[in-house]
Amino acid sequence: MARETKDQKAERYLCEGRIIVVRVDRRAIVANVRGSGAVWRTWWHAGTWSCDCPHEARTTNCRTFTR
């Protein structure tokens, strides 16, 4: 079985109710995401998505990406 992409994982988390939007305004979107044993913060600001998950420590970095 192939590993799911970050987009597939995000869609699965959304369907499972793991993403809670805490703020939406003209300048930002902020959400809490329940991941592997912890809750992480993700946010959109100035056209870029960022998060505070520990994935940064791995070989691929998804800490900041654009959509």
PDB file of N, CA and C in Angstrom:
ATOM      1  N   MET A   1       0.838  -1.183   0.000  1.00  0.00           N
ATOM      2  CA  MET A   1       0.000   0.000   0.000  1.00  0.00           C
ATOM      3  C   MET A   1       0.884   1.249   0.000  1.00  0.00           C
ATOM      4  N   ALA A   2       0.547   2.197  -0.871  1.00  0.00           N
ATOM      5  CA  ALA A   2       1.339   3.428  -0.988  1.00  0.00           C
ATOM      6  C   ALA A   2       1.061   4.358   0.188  1.00  0.00           C
ATOM      7  N   ARG A   3       2.067   5.095   0.578  1.00  0.00           N
ATOM      8  CA  ARG A   3       1.924   6.077   1.660  1.00  0.00           C
ATOM      9  C   ARG A   3       1.033   7.217   1.172  1.00  0.00           C
ATOM     10  N   GLU A   4       0.139   7.703   2.038  1.00  0.00           N
ATOM     11  CA  GLU A   4      -0.753   8.775   1.625  1.00  0.00           C
ATOM     12  C   GLU A   4      -0.001  10.103   1.507  1.00  0.00           C
ATOM     13  N   THR A   5      -0.429  10.917   0.566  1.00  0.00           N
ATOM     14  CA  THR A   5       0.184  12.221   0.385  1.00  0.00           C
ATOM     15  C   THR A   5      -0.296  13.153   1.493  1.00  0.00           C
ATOM     16  N   LYS A   6       0.351  14.319   1.632  1.00  0.00           N
ATOM     17  CA  LYS A   6      -0.082  15.269   2.657  1.00  0.00           C
ATOM     18  C   LYS A   6      -1.491  15.770   2.359  1.00  0.00           C
ATOM     19  N   ASP A   7      -1.859  15.901   1.067  1.00  0.00           N
ATOM     20  CA  ASP A   7      -3.217  16.317   0.721  1.00  0.00           C
ATOM     21  C   ASP A   7      -4.238  15.246   1.109  1.00  0.00           C
ATOM     22  N   GLN A   8      -3.924  13.976   0.857  1.00  0.00           N
ATOM     23  CA  GLN A   8      -4.812  12.882   1.244  1.00  0.00           C
ATOM     24  C   GLN A   8      -4.967  12.819   2.763  1.00  0.00           C
ATOM     25  N   LYS A   9      -3.867  13.015   3.472  1.00  0.00           N
ATOM     26  CA  LYS A   9      -3.901  12.987   4.932  1.00  0.00           C
ATOM     27  C   LYS A   9      -4.748  14.141   5.463  1.00  0.00           C
ATOM     28  N   ALA A  10      -4.568  15.329   4.882  1.00  0.00           N
ATOM     29  CA  ALA A  10      -5.365  16.488   5.303  1.00  0.00           C
ATOM     30  C   ALA A  10      -6.850  16.236   5.069  1.00  0.00           C
ATOM     31  N   GLU A  11      -7.195  15.656   3.928  1.00  0.00           N
ATOM     32  CA  GLU A  11      -8.601  15.343   3.639  1.00  0.00           C
ATOM     33  C   GLU A  11      -9.147  14.310   4.622  1.00  0.00           C
ATOM     34  N   ARG A  12      -8.341  13.285   4.929  1.00  0.00           N
ATOM     35  CA  ARG A  12      -8.767  12.272   5.902  1.00  0.00           C
ATOM     36  C   ARG A  12      -8.989  12.896   7.274  1.00  0.00           C
ATOM     37  N   TYR A  13      -8.045  13.743   7.717  1.00  0.00           N
ATOM     38  CA  TYR A  13      -8.182  14.416   9.013  1.00  0.00           C
ATOM     39  C   TYR A  13      -9.447  15.269   9.047  1.00  0.00           C
ATOM     40  N   LEU A  14      -9.739  15.965   7.952  1.00  0.00           N
ATOM     41  CA  LEU A  14     -10.939  16.786   7.887  1.00  0.00           C
ATOM     42  C   LEU A  14     -12.187  15.918   8.002  1.00  0.00           C
ATOM     43  N   CYS A  15     -12.244  14.817   7.273  1.00  0.00           N
ATOM     44  CA  CYS A  15     -13.395  13.898   7.319  1.00  0.00           C
ATOM     45  C   CYS A  15     -13.557  13.246   8.688  1.00  0.00           C
ATOM     46  N   GLU A  16     -12.450  13.030   9.379  1.00  0.00           N
ATOM     47  CA  GLU A  16     -12.489  12.408  10.704  1.00  0.00           C
ATOM     48  C   GLU A  16     -12.763  13.415  11.827  1.00  0.00           C
ATOM     49  N   GLY A  17     -12.931  14.689  11.487  1.00  0.00           N
ATOM     50  CA  GLY A  17     -13.207  15.711  12.494  1.00  0.00           C
ATOM     51  C   GLY A  17     -11.992  16.104  13.314  1.00  0.00           C
ATOM     52  N   ARG A  18     -10.809  15.905  12.779  1.00  0.00           N
ATOM     53  CA  ARG A  18      -9.576  16.222  13.512  1.00  0.00           C
ATOM     54  C   ARG A  18      -9.128  17.664  13.339  1.00  0.00           C
ATOM     55  N   ILE A  19      -9.786  18.434  12.468  1.00  0.00           N
ATOM     56  CA  ILE A  19      -9.399  19.822  12.209  1.00  0.00           C
ATOM     57  C   ILE A  19     -10.480  20.742  12.764  1.00  0.00           C
ATOM     58  N   ILE A  20     -10.092  21.599  13.686  1.00  0.00           N
ATOM     59  CA  ILE A  20     -11.007  22.555  14.298  1.00  0.00           C
ATOM     60  C   ILE A  20     -10.528  23.966  13.952  1.00  0.00           C
ATOM     61  N   VAL A  21     -11.324  24.677  13.165  1.00  0.00           N
ATOM     62  CA  VAL A  21     -10.986  26.055  12.797  1.00  0.00           C
ATOM     63  C   VAL A  21     -11.290  26.943  13.995  1.00  0.00           C
ATOM     64  N   VAL A  22     -10.303  27.706  14.429  1.00  0.00           N
ATOM     65  CA  VAL A  22     -10.475  28.557  15.613  1.00  0.00           C
ATOM     66  C   VAL A  22     -10.579  30.037  15.273  1.00  0.00           C
ATOM     67  N   ARG A  23     -10.137  30.416  14.063  1.00  0.00           N
ATOM     68  CA  ARG A  23     -10.254  31.826  13.677  1.00  0.00           C
ATOM     69  C   ARG A  23     -10.196  31.965  12.167  1.00  0.00           C
ATOM     70  N   VAL A  24     -11.079  32.793  11.641  1.00  0.00           N
ATOM     71  CA  VAL A  24     -11.040  33.155  10.228  1.00  0.00           C
ATOM     72  C   VAL A  24     -11.307  34.647  10.148  1.00  0.00           C
ATOM     73  N   ASP A  25     -10.412  35.373   9.513  1.00  0.00           N
ATOM     74  CA  ASP A  25     -10.648  36.783   9.250  1.00  0.00           C
ATOM     75  C   ASP A  25      -9.946  37.145   7.950  1.00  0.00           C
ATOM     76  N   ARG A  26      -9.942  38.405   7.598  1.00  0.00           N
ATOM     77  CA  ARG A  26      -9.353  38.841   6.325  1.00  0.00           C
ATOM     78  C   ARG A  26      -7.864  38.550   6.215  1.00  0.00           C
ATOM     79  N   ARG A  27      -7.185  38.500   7.336  1.00  0.00           N
ATOM     80  CA  ARG A  27      -5.729  38.353   7.305  1.00  0.00           C
ATOM     81  C   ARG A  27      -5.225  36.955   7.620  1.00  0.00           C
ATOM     82  N   ALA A  28      -6.048  36.108   8.239  1.00  0.00           N
ATOM     83  CA  ALA A  28      -5.528  34.801   8.650  1.00  0.00           C
ATOM     84  C   ALA A  28      -6.628  33.771   8.851  1.00  0.00           C
ATOM     85  N   ILE A  29      -6.235  32.513   8.741  1.00  0.00           N
ATOM     86  CA  ILE A  29      -7.044  31.359   9.122  1.00  0.00           C
ATOM     87  C   ILE A  29      -6.185  30.580  10.108  1.00  0.00           C
ATOM     88  N   VAL A  30      -6.755  30.201  11.242  1.00  0.00           N
ATOM     89  CA  VAL A  30      -6.025  29.441  12.255  1.00  0.00           C
ATOM     90  C   VAL A  30      -6.852  28.214  12.611  1.00  0.00           C
ATOM     91  N   ALA A  31      -6.204  27.061  12.700  1.00  0.00           N
ATOM     92  CA  ALA A  31      -6.906  25.827  13.045  1.00  0.00           C
ATOM     93  C   ALA A  31      -6.030  24.960  13.933  1.00  0.00           C
ATOM     94  N   ASN A  32      -6.684  24.156  14.754  1.00  0.00           N
ATOM     95  CA  ASN A  32      -6.010  23.129  15.548  1.00  0.00           C
ATOM     96  C   ASN A  32      -6.225  21.795  14.850  1.00  0.00           C
ATOM     97  N   VAL A  33      -5.164  21.002  14.745  1.00  0.00           N
ATOM     98  CA  VAL A  33      -5.227  19.707  14.077  1.00  0.00           C
ATOM     99  C   VAL A  33      -4.784  18.639  15.064  1.00  0.00           C
ATOM    100  N   ARG A  34      -5.674  17.668  15.324  1.00  0.00           N
ATOM    101  CA  ARG A  34      -5.331  16.558  16.211  1.00  0.00           C
ATOM    102  C   ARG A  34      -4.604  15.508  15.383  1.00  0.00           C
ATOM    103  N   GLY A  35      -3.320  15.365  15.646  1.00  0.00           N
ATOM    104  CA  GLY A  35      -2.481  14.433  14.898  1.00  0.00           C
ATOM    105  C   GLY A  35      -2.121  13.233  15.738  1.00  0.00           C
ATOM    106  N   SER A  36      -0.919  12.766  15.592  1.00  0.00           N
ATOM    107  CA  SER A  36      -0.433  11.572  16.278  1.00  0.00           C
ATOM    108  C   SER A  36      -0.173  11.855  17.758  1.00  0.00           C
ATOM    109  N   GLY A  37      -1.201  11.799  18.560  1.00  0.00           N
ATOM    110  CA  GLY A  37      -1.059  11.956  19.996  1.00  0.00           C
ATOM    111  C   GLY A  37      -0.936  13.379  20.500  1.00  0.00           C
ATOM    112  N   ALA A  38      -1.101  14.358  19.636  1.00  0.00           N
ATOM    113  CA  ALA A  38      -0.974  15.755  20.054  1.00  0.00           C
ATOM    114  C   ALA A  38      -1.863  16.632  19.180  1.00  0.00           C
ATOM    115  N   VAL A  39      -2.048  17.851  19.621  1.00  0.00           N
ATOM    116  CA  VAL A  39      -2.784  18.837  18.835  1.00  0.00           C
ATOM    117  C   VAL A  39      -1.788  19.884  18.354  1.00  0.00           C
ATOM    118  N   TRP A  40      -1.792  20.120  17.057  1.00  0.00           N
ATOM    119  CA  TRP A  40      -0.859  21.060  16.441  1.00  0.00           C
ATOM    120  C   TRP A  40      -1.630  22.243  15.892  1.00  0.00           C
ATOM    121  N   ARG A  41      -0.982  23.371  15.812  1.00  0.00           N
ATOM    122  CA  ARG A  41      -1.585  24.599  15.288  1.00  0.00           C
ATOM    123  C   ARG A  41      -1.138  24.776  13.853  1.00  0.00           C
ATOM    124  N   THR A  42      -2.073  25.114  12.975  1.00  0.00           N
ATOM    125  CA  THR A  42      -1.756  25.457  11.596  1.00  0.00           C
ATOM    126  C   THR A  42      -2.413  26.788  11.270  1.00  0.00           C
ATOM    127  N   TRP A  43      -1.808  27.538  10.381  1.00  0.00           N
ATOM    128  CA  TRP A  43      -2.360  28.853  10.071  1.00  0.00           C
ATOM    129  C   TRP A  43      -2.009  29.248   8.646  1.00  0.00           C
ATOM    130  N   TRP A  44      -2.866  30.102   8.093  1.00  0.00           N
ATOM    131  CA  TRP A  44      -2.648  30.700   6.788  1.00  0.00           C
ATOM    132  C   TRP A  44      -2.515  32.187   6.990  1.00  0.00           C
ATOM    133  N   HIS A  45      -1.476  32.757   6.413  1.00  0.00           N
ATOM    134  CA  HIS A  45      -1.249  34.193   6.510  1.00  0.00           C
ATOM    135  C   HIS A  45      -0.452  34.624   5.284  1.00  0.00           C
ATOM    136  N   ALA A  46      -0.889  35.678   4.643  1.00  0.00           N
ATOM    137  CA  ALA A  46      -0.199  36.242   3.475  1.00  0.00           C
ATOM    138  C   ALA A  46       0.018  35.205   2.366  1.00  0.00           C
ATOM    139  N   GLY A  47      -0.985  34.340   2.155  1.00  0.00           N
ATOM    140  CA  GLY A  47      -0.919  33.374   1.066  1.00  0.00           C
ATOM    141  C   GLY A  47      -0.090  32.138   1.326  1.00  0.00           C
ATOM    142  N   THR A  48       0.364  31.939   2.556  1.00  0.00           N
ATOM    143  CA  THR A  48       1.209  30.792   2.901  1.00  0.00           C
ATOM    144  C   THR A  48       0.635  30.043   4.095  1.00  0.00           C
ATOM    145  N   TRP A  49       0.638  28.715   4.008  1.00  0.00           N
ATOM    146  CA  TRP A  49       0.250  27.870   5.139  1.00  0.00           C
ATOM    147  C   TRP A  49       1.494  27.504   5.928  1.00  0.00           C
ATOM    148  N   SER A  50       1.373  27.492   7.255  1.00  0.00           N
ATOM    149  CA  SER A  50       2.460  27.072   8.142  1.00  0.00           C
ATOM    150  C   SER A  50       1.872  26.244   9.271  1.00  0.00           C
ATOM    151  N   CYS A  51       2.735  25.529   9.983  1.00  0.00           N
ATOM    152  CA  CYS A  51       2.261  24.776  11.145  1.00  0.00           C
ATOM    153  C   CYS A  51       3.401  24.628  12.151  1.00  0.00           C
ATOM    154  N   ASP A  52       3.040  24.170  13.357  1.00  0.00           N
ATOM    155  CA  ASP A  52       4.060  23.973  14.387  1.00  0.00           C
ATOM    156  C   ASP A  52       4.302  22.495  14.682  1.00  0.00           C
ATOM    157  N   CYS A  53       3.973  21.629  13.728  1.00  0.00           N
ATOM    158  CA  CYS A  53       4.184  20.192  13.937  1.00  0.00           C
ATOM    159  C   CYS A  53       5.669  19.854  13.892  1.00  0.00           C
ATOM    160  N   PRO A  54       6.070  18.701  14.423  1.00  0.00           N
ATOM    161  CA  PRO A  54       7.489  18.332  14.460  1.00  0.00           C
ATOM    162  C   PRO A  54       8.006  17.748  13.151  1.00  0.00           C
ATOM    163  N   HIS A  55       7.217  17.753  12.113  1.00  0.00           N
ATOM    164  CA  HIS A  55       7.641  17.164  10.837  1.00  0.00           C
ATOM    165  C   HIS A  55       8.910  17.814  10.304  1.00  0.00           C
ATOM    166  N   GLU A  56       9.185  19.032  10.729  1.00  0.00           N
ATOM    167  CA  GLU A  56      10.375  19.767  10.298  1.00  0.00           C
ATOM    168  C   GLU A  56      11.658  18.969  10.555  1.00  0.00           C
ATOM    169  N   ALA A  57      11.676  18.143  11.579  1.00  0.00           N
ATOM    170  CA  ALA A  57      12.880  17.401  11.947  1.00  0.00           C
ATOM    171  C   ALA A  57      13.172  16.241  10.986  1.00  0.00           C
ATOM    172  N   ARG A  58      12.219  15.909  10.133  1.00  0.00           N
ATOM    173  CA  ARG A  58      12.415  14.806   9.191  1.00  0.00           C
ATOM    174  C   ARG A  58      13.121  15.308   7.934  1.00  0.00           C
ATOM    175  N   THR A  59      13.369  14.393   6.993  1.00  0.00           N
ATOM    176  CA  THR A  59      14.094  14.772   5.784  1.00  0.00           C
ATOM    177  C   THR A  59      13.280  15.678   4.862  1.00  0.00           C
ATOM    178  N   THR A  60      11.962  15.535   4.838  1.00  0.00           N
ATOM    179  CA  THR A  60      11.147  16.437   4.020  1.00  0.00           C
ATOM    180  C   THR A  60      10.479  17.449   4.952  1.00  0.00           C
ATOM    181  N   ASN A  61      10.423  18.670   4.533  1.00  0.00           N
ATOM    182  CA  ASN A  61       9.931  19.742   5.384  1.00  0.00           C
ATOM    183  C   ASN A  61       8.605  20.278   4.871  1.00  0.00           C
ATOM    184  N   CYS A  62       7.550  20.099   5.635  1.00  0.00           N
ATOM    185  CA  CYS A  62       6.242  20.645   5.238  1.00  0.00           C
ATOM    186  C   CYS A  62       5.864  21.826   6.130  1.00  0.00           C
ATOM    187  N   ARG A  63       6.790  22.337   6.882  1.00  0.00           N
ATOM    188  CA  ARG A  63       6.480  23.398   7.851  1.00  0.00           C
ATOM    189  C   ARG A  63       5.837  24.605   7.177  1.00  0.00           C
ATOM    190  N   THR A  64       6.304  24.976   6.012  1.00  0.00           N
ATOM    191  CA  THR A  64       5.707  26.092   5.292  1.00  0.00           C
ATOM    192  C   THR A  64       5.514  25.670   3.837  1.00  0.00           C
ATOM    193  N   PHE A  65       4.305  25.817   3.340  1.00  0.00           N
ATOM    194  CA  PHE A  65       4.032  25.492   1.962  1.00  0.00           C
ATOM    195  C   PHE A  65       2.927  26.391   1.443  1.00  0.00           C
ATOM    196  N   THR A  66       2.865  26.546   0.136  1.00  0.00           N
ATOM    197  CA  THR A  66       1.837  27.381  -0.470  1.00  0.00           C
ATOM    198  C   THR A  66       0.865  26.502  -1.241  1.00  0.00           C
ATOM    199  N   ARG A  67      -0.337  26.990  -1.376  1.00  0.00           N
ATOM    200  CA  ARG A  67      -1.372  26.262  -2.115  1.00  0.00           C
ATOM    201  C   ARG A  67      -1.792  27.074  -3.294  1.00  0.00           C
TER     202      ARG A  67
END
